[in-house]
Amino acid sequence: MRAWALAAFAGRHYGHPEDFENRKRDLLPKATEVAESVLRDSRLSSLQADTRTAVEVEAHNAAGIAYMRMGHFADLFSGTAEDFWRAADDHYRSALAIHPRDVRVLDNVSTLNLIRGSSRLIASKDEAARACFTVAIDAAQQAISNNSHDRFRHYNLSQALALSDEWHAASQEAGRIMKEPGAVKQEQVDNLKKAILAKDKTAIVNIYYPPKKS
């Protein structure tokens, strides 16, 4: 849980952009170190099966989040975005191999592929981007089938559908977002609906890669 907290605290600015860059630079590598030290810990083998499963899933998920964000903000680190994203994908796959129905991991898989696909769209790698958005759709749909009561996974699914040119389906999904509980705000949903109505992929990509201020 310490690894998860480090990764989560460094992944978003939470209304404090003034120290966000320092948090990313300092805490994301620490999150990977803590998570991977847990996975290497010889005491894992002595835990009861259910406890060991829970610890391994949490550690893989935390490492996945940290590597996902290191790829997202790769200019702050030594390494390529794709290398970090491959590491994130490996950890998420390991978590799902242990617990295939874990909705939090599935949510993170969809987020990873929205970030990765958006980066590829910016680089005009349209086919590679589409492959990411297909994975994002599948992960979000799996998460919804396991537990539909979180607006975040409907938000992710709507974005992924839009970025895959499935505009009607994206609009329908956007209409479901605020019917569920969760942290996604009405303003975010309104902005997404405007982007879908205008068939504006750039507005959705900007969620993950905001234009740099001059």
Protein backbone atom coordinates (compact mmCIF):
# COMPACT_ATOMS: atom_id res chain seq x y z
CA MET A 1 0.00 0.00 0.00
CA ARG A 2 2.95 2.34 0.53
CA ALA A 3 4.01 1.71 -3.06
CA TRP A 4 0.48 2.42 -4.27
CA ALA A 5 0.29 5.64 -2.23
CA LEU A 6 3.61 6.86 -3.64
CA ALA A 7 2.51 6.12 -7.20
CA ALA A 8 -0.91 7.69 -6.77
CA PHE A 9 0.42 10.81 -5.02
CA ALA A 10 2.90 11.38 -7.85
CA GLY A 11 0.49 10.58 -10.69
CA ARG A 12 -1.78 13.65 -10.40
CA HIS A 13 -1.30 17.18 -9.14
CA TYR A 14 -4.39 17.11 -6.83
CA GLY A 15 -4.72 20.89 -6.95
CA HIS A 16 -1.04 21.49 -6.09
CA PRO A 17 0.81 21.96 -9.39
CA GLU A 18 3.62 23.88 -7.70
CA ASP A 19 5.37 20.71 -6.47
CA PHE A 20 3.96 18.25 -8.98
CA GLU A 21 7.16 17.89 -11.01
CA ASN A 22 9.24 17.21 -7.91
CA ARG A 23 6.73 14.62 -6.70
CA LYS A 24 6.86 12.83 -10.04
CA ARG A 25 10.64 12.85 -10.15
CA ASP A 26 11.11 11.69 -6.55
CA LEU A 27 8.18 9.43 -5.77
CA LEU A 28 7.57 7.40 -8.92
CA PRO A 29 10.97 5.63 -8.86
CA LYS A 30 10.52 5.05 -5.12
CA ALA A 31 7.14 3.44 -5.81
CA THR A 32 8.69 0.97 -8.24
CA GLU A 33 11.47 0.16 -5.79
CA VAL A 34 9.06 -0.50 -2.93
CA ALA A 35 6.66 -2.58 -5.04
CA GLU A 36 9.40 -4.70 -6.58
CA SER A 37 11.07 -5.23 -3.21
CA VAL A 38 7.77 -6.64 -1.94
CA LEU A 39 7.56 -9.01 -4.90
CA ARG A 40 11.14 -10.19 -4.23
CA ASP A 41 10.57 -10.63 -0.48
CA SER A 42 11.26 -14.22 0.58
CA ARG A 43 8.52 -13.96 3.23
CA LEU A 44 5.84 -14.04 0.51
CA SER A 45 6.11 -17.80 0.23
CA SER A 46 5.25 -18.26 3.91
CA LEU A 47 1.97 -16.30 3.72
CA GLN A 48 -1.41 -17.97 3.45
CA ALA A 49 -2.52 -18.30 -0.17
CA ASP A 50 -5.25 -15.61 -0.03
CA THR A 51 -2.95 -13.14 1.70
CA ARG A 52 -0.10 -13.80 -0.72
CA THR A 53 -2.45 -13.29 -3.68
CA ALA A 54 -3.67 -9.96 -2.29
CA VAL A 55 -0.11 -8.73 -1.63
CA GLU A 56 1.13 -9.75 -5.08
CA VAL A 57 -1.79 -8.15 -6.90
CA GLU A 58 -1.41 -4.90 -4.94
CA ALA A 59 2.35 -4.79 -5.53
CA HIS A 60 2.06 -5.48 -9.27
CA ASN A 61 -0.70 -2.90 -9.59
CA ALA A 62 1.32 -0.27 -7.73
CA ALA A 63 4.39 -0.93 -9.87
CA GLY A 64 2.21 -0.74 -12.98
CA ILE A 65 0.83 2.66 -11.96
CA ALA A 66 4.32 4.02 -11.26
CA TYR A 67 5.79 2.78 -14.55
CA MET A 68 2.71 4.01 -16.43
CA ARG A 69 3.24 7.52 -15.07
CA MET A 70 6.99 7.38 -15.65
CA GLY A 71 6.19 6.70 -19.30
CA HIS A 72 3.62 9.48 -19.28
CA PHE A 73 6.25 11.92 -17.94
CA ALA A 74 9.26 10.25 -19.53
CA ASP A 75 11.14 13.50 -20.08
CA LEU A 76 11.81 13.56 -16.32
CA PHE A 77 13.50 10.16 -16.26
CA SER A 78 16.32 8.20 -17.82
CA GLY A 79 14.59 5.81 -20.21
CA THR A 80 12.04 5.85 -23.00
CA ALA A 81 8.29 6.12 -22.59
CA GLU A 82 7.82 2.81 -24.40
CA ASP A 83 10.23 1.03 -22.04
CA PHE A 84 8.30 2.30 -19.02
CA TRP A 85 4.96 1.39 -20.59
CA ARG A 86 6.16 -2.12 -21.38
CA ALA A 87 7.16 -2.51 -17.73
CA ALA A 88 3.73 -1.24 -16.65
CA ASP A 89 2.01 -3.65 -19.01
CA ASP A 90 4.08 -6.56 -17.67
CA HIS A 91 3.06 -5.77 -14.09
CA TYR A 92 -0.61 -5.37 -14.97
CA ARG A 93 -0.55 -8.67 -16.86
CA SER A 94 1.04 -10.37 -13.85
CA ALA A 95 -1.65 -8.96 -11.57
CA LEU A 96 -4.44 -10.13 -13.89
CA ALA A 97 -2.86 -13.58 -14.20
CA ILE A 98 -3.36 -13.87 -10.44
CA HIS A 99 -6.75 -12.13 -10.24
CA PRO A 100 -8.33 -11.76 -13.73
CA ARG A 101 -11.42 -9.92 -12.47
CA ASP A 102 -9.65 -7.17 -10.50
CA VAL A 103 -11.44 -4.03 -11.69
CA ARG A 104 -8.80 -1.61 -10.39
CA VAL A 105 -6.12 -3.29 -12.47
CA LEU A 106 -8.43 -3.38 -15.51
CA ASP A 107 -9.11 0.35 -15.00
CA ASN A 108 -5.37 0.96 -15.03
CA VAL A 109 -4.90 -1.12 -18.18
CA SER A 110 -7.47 1.05 -19.95
CA THR A 111 -5.79 4.22 -18.66
CA LEU A 112 -2.35 2.99 -19.73
CA ASN A 113 -3.59 2.40 -23.26
CA LEU A 114 -5.38 5.73 -23.44
CA ILE A 115 -2.13 7.47 -22.49
CA ARG A 116 0.00 5.31 -24.77
CA GLY A 117 -2.43 5.62 -27.67
CA SER A 118 -2.68 9.39 -27.25
CA SER A 119 1.11 9.64 -27.43
CA ARG A 120 1.09 7.61 -30.62
CA LEU A 121 -1.63 9.78 -32.15
CA ILE A 122 0.47 12.86 -31.45
CA ALA A 123 3.36 11.12 -33.25
CA SER A 124 1.02 10.34 -36.22
CA LYS A 125 1.31 6.59 -35.57
CA ASP A 126 -2.36 6.03 -36.24
CA GLU A 127 -2.41 2.23 -36.51
CA ALA A 128 -0.33 1.78 -33.37
CA ALA A 129 -2.63 4.23 -31.59
CA ARG A 130 -5.73 2.34 -32.71
CA ALA A 131 -4.27 -0.90 -31.32
CA CYS A 132 -3.90 0.79 -27.92
CA PHE A 133 -7.46 2.12 -27.98
CA THR A 134 -8.77 -1.35 -28.82
CA VAL A 135 -7.06 -2.69 -25.68
CA ALA A 136 -8.44 0.25 -23.67
CA ILE A 137 -11.97 -0.55 -24.86
CA ASP A 138 -11.62 -4.23 -24.01
CA ALA A 139 -10.21 -3.55 -20.52
CA ALA A 140 -12.90 -0.98 -19.71
CA GLN A 141 -15.66 -3.29 -20.91
CA GLN A 142 -14.27 -6.15 -18.80
CA ALA A 143 -14.14 -3.89 -15.75
CA ILE A 144 -17.73 -2.73 -16.35
CA SER A 145 -18.92 -6.31 -16.73
CA ASN A 146 -17.36 -7.12 -13.34
CA ASN A 147 -18.58 -3.94 -11.60
CA SER A 148 -20.35 -1.21 -13.53
CA HIS A 149 -20.79 1.09 -10.51
CA ASP A 150 -17.89 3.47 -11.00
CA ARG A 151 -18.16 6.36 -13.43
CA PHE A 152 -14.41 6.30 -14.09
CA ARG A 153 -14.57 3.12 -16.20
CA HIS A 154 -17.48 4.49 -18.25
CA TYR A 155 -15.46 7.68 -18.75
CA ASN A 156 -12.47 5.67 -19.97
CA LEU A 157 -14.64 3.57 -22.27
CA SER A 158 -16.28 6.63 -23.80
CA GLN A 159 -12.88 8.20 -24.53
CA ALA A 160 -11.49 5.01 -26.05
CA LEU A 161 -14.54 4.57 -28.27
CA ALA A 162 -14.28 8.16 -29.49
CA LEU A 163 -10.58 7.82 -30.23
CA SER A 164 -11.46 4.68 -32.23
CA ASP A 165 -13.96 6.69 -34.34
CA GLU A 166 -16.92 4.94 -32.73
CA TRP A 167 -18.60 8.26 -32.08
CA HIS A 168 -22.18 7.07 -31.56
CA ALA A 169 -21.15 4.41 -29.07
CA ALA A 170 -18.91 6.97 -27.34
CA SER A 171 -21.85 9.37 -27.00
CA GLN A 172 -24.07 6.66 -25.54
CA GLU A 173 -21.40 5.68 -23.03
CA ALA A 174 -20.81 9.32 -22.07
CA GLY A 175 -24.48 9.50 -21.14
CA ARG A 176 -23.97 6.72 -18.58
CA ILE A 177 -21.02 8.27 -16.74
CA MET A 178 -22.81 10.47 -14.21
CA LYS A 179 -25.40 7.79 -13.43
CA GLU A 180 -22.75 5.99 -11.39
CA PRO A 181 -20.79 7.07 -8.28
CA GLY A 182 -17.16 8.06 -8.60
CA ALA A 183 -14.58 10.82 -8.78
CA VAL A 184 -15.13 12.00 -12.36
CA LYS A 185 -16.56 15.53 -12.28
CA GLN A 186 -19.46 16.94 -14.29
CA GLU A 187 -17.12 19.42 -16.00
CA GLN A 188 -14.97 16.56 -17.29
CA VAL A 189 -18.04 14.81 -18.67
CA ASP A 190 -19.35 18.00 -20.28
CA ASN A 191 -15.99 18.58 -21.98
CA LEU A 192 -15.92 14.98 -23.21
CA LYS A 193 -19.45 15.26 -24.60
CA LYS A 194 -18.49 18.46 -26.46
CA ALA A 195 -15.47 16.71 -27.96
CA ILE A 196 -17.59 13.76 -29.05
CA LEU A 197 -20.25 16.03 -30.58
CA ALA A 198 -17.53 17.86 -32.54
CA LYS A 199 -15.68 14.60 -33.35
CA ASP A 200 -12.64 16.30 -31.92
CA LYS A 201 -9.98 13.73 -31.00
CA THR A 202 -7.47 16.43 -30.13
CA ALA A 203 -9.61 17.60 -27.21
CA ILE A 204 -9.53 14.06 -25.79
CA VAL A 205 -5.80 13.62 -26.37
CA ASN A 206 -5.30 16.92 -24.53
CA ILE A 207 -6.72 15.29 -21.39
CA TYR A 208 -3.48 13.30 -21.23
CA TYR A 209 -1.12 15.66 -23.04
CA PRO A 210 -2.25 19.25 -22.47
CA PRO A 211 -0.78 21.78 -24.89
CA LYS A 212 2.39 23.30 -23.49
CA LYS A 213 2.07 26.89 -22.36
CA SER A 214 4.18 29.32 -24.35
